[in-house]
């Protein structure tokens, strides 16, 4: 004699479909922006580091809502260093132009 058992009775708490794992939000752009903001304090004269950090910070604001604070700090640091480096470059160029007539004495 054969006994047929119902599979639902054997495992009443088993789900037929496993729950989808939550997708972890990436924080790569905001971390990169913050790190480049800190690095640009030392390497701000290159103009490239603060510009890349500024662009990554703006992209992080649009894409990564969970890491908003890091993105804002990266934008602020990069913008301040970029503005300072620009003012120093303009000042050096102006000083060089003012001193140009005295170069051939």
Protein backbone atom coordinates (compact mmCIF):
# COMPACT_ATOMS: atom_id res chain seq x y z
CA UNK A 1 0.00 0.00 0.00
CA UNK A 2 1.35 3.45 -0.92
CA UNK A 3 0.81 6.55 1.10
CA UNK A 4 0.80 9.89 -0.63
CA UNK A 5 1.96 12.80 1.53
CA UNK A 6 1.31 16.42 0.83
CA UNK A 7 4.50 18.50 0.53
CA UNK A 8 2.78 21.54 2.05
CA UNK A 9 2.05 19.56 5.18
CA UNK A 10 5.66 18.50 5.50
CA UNK A 11 7.14 22.02 5.39
CA UNK A 12 4.43 24.53 6.25
CA UNK A 13 6.89 27.39 6.84
CA UNK A 14 8.97 27.03 3.70
CA UNK A 15 8.62 29.79 1.13
CA UNK A 16 8.21 28.74 -2.46
CA UNK A 17 10.39 31.66 -3.62
CA UNK A 18 13.26 32.99 -1.53
CA UNK A 19 13.06 36.68 -0.73
CA UNK A 20 15.16 38.90 -2.93
CA UNK A 21 18.25 40.20 -1.21
CA UNK A 22 18.22 43.96 -0.74
CA UNK A 23 20.51 45.80 -3.10
CA UNK A 24 23.26 47.59 -1.21
CA UNK A 25 23.71 51.17 -2.35
CA UNK A 26 27.18 52.00 -3.51
CA UNK A 27 29.08 54.85 -1.88
CA UNK A 28 32.08 54.82 -4.20
CA UNK A 29 31.66 58.27 -5.74
CA UNK A 30 31.15 60.03 -2.41
CA UNK A 31 34.10 58.26 -0.77
CA UNK A 32 36.31 59.06 -3.76
CA UNK A 33 35.21 62.70 -3.67
CA UNK A 34 35.97 63.00 0.04
CA UNK A 35 39.36 61.29 -0.32
CA UNK A 36 40.29 63.51 -3.28
CA UNK A 37 39.18 66.53 -1.25
CA UNK A 38 41.58 65.56 1.51
CA UNK A 39 44.35 64.76 -0.98
CA UNK A 40 43.79 68.06 -2.77
CA UNK A 41 44.84 69.91 0.39
CA UNK A 42 48.35 68.65 -0.39
CA UNK A 43 48.09 68.34 -4.19
CA UNK A 44 45.82 71.29 -4.95
CA UNK A 45 48.41 72.95 -7.14
CA UNK A 46 47.82 70.34 -9.82
CA UNK A 47 44.26 71.57 -10.61
CA UNK A 48 43.39 68.04 -11.78
CA UNK A 49 42.80 66.46 -8.36
CA UNK A 50 40.28 69.06 -7.12
CA UNK A 51 38.42 69.11 -10.45
CA UNK A 52 38.04 65.33 -10.50
CA UNK A 53 36.94 65.35 -6.85
CA UNK A 54 34.41 68.09 -7.55
CA UNK A 55 32.92 66.19 -10.49
CA UNK A 56 32.73 62.96 -8.47
CA UNK A 57 31.05 64.80 -5.59
CA UNK A 58 28.38 66.23 -7.88
CA UNK A 59 27.79 62.81 -9.42
CA UNK A 60 27.52 61.31 -5.92
CA UNK A 61 24.84 63.82 -4.93
CA UNK A 62 22.72 62.71 -7.86
CA UNK A 63 23.27 58.95 -7.53
CA UNK A 64 23.96 58.16 -3.86
CA UNK A 65 21.38 59.49 -1.45
CA UNK A 66 22.71 57.52 1.54
CA UNK A 67 26.19 59.08 1.37
CA UNK A 68 25.04 62.67 0.95
CA UNK A 69 27.17 64.05 3.80
CA UNK A 70 30.42 62.64 2.42
CA UNK A 71 29.58 63.97 -1.04
CA UNK A 72 28.89 67.47 0.32
CA UNK A 73 32.15 67.49 2.28
CA UNK A 74 34.03 66.34 -0.81
CA UNK A 75 32.45 69.11 -2.89
CA UNK A 76 33.24 71.77 -0.27
CA UNK A 77 36.86 70.68 0.19
CA UNK A 78 37.52 70.42 -3.54
CA UNK A 79 35.82 73.74 -4.31
CA UNK A 80 37.74 75.63 -1.61
CA UNK A 81 41.09 74.17 -2.68
CA UNK A 82 40.32 74.79 -6.37
CA UNK A 83 39.35 78.41 -5.66
CA UNK A 84 42.48 78.93 -3.57
CA UNK A 85 44.75 77.39 -6.20
CA UNK A 86 43.12 79.55 -8.88
CA UNK A 87 43.67 82.72 -6.82
CA UNK A 88 47.31 81.79 -6.19
CA UNK A 89 47.85 81.13 -9.92
CA UNK A 90 46.25 84.46 -10.87
CA UNK A 91 48.33 86.24 -8.23
CA UNK A 92 51.54 84.61 -9.46
CA UNK A 93 50.74 85.56 -13.05
CA UNK A 94 49.98 89.16 -12.05
CA UNK A 95 53.18 89.40 -10.02
CA UNK A 96 55.14 88.01 -12.96
CA UNK A 97 53.63 90.58 -15.32
CA UNK A 98 54.34 93.43 -12.93
CA UNK A 99 57.97 92.36 -12.52
CA UNK A 100 58.52 91.74 -16.24
CA UNK A 101 59.93 95.23 -17.00
CA UNK A 102 62.60 94.74 -14.32
CA UNK A 103 63.76 91.41 -15.70
CA UNK A 104 66.04 92.97 -18.33
CA UNK A 105 67.82 95.57 -16.19
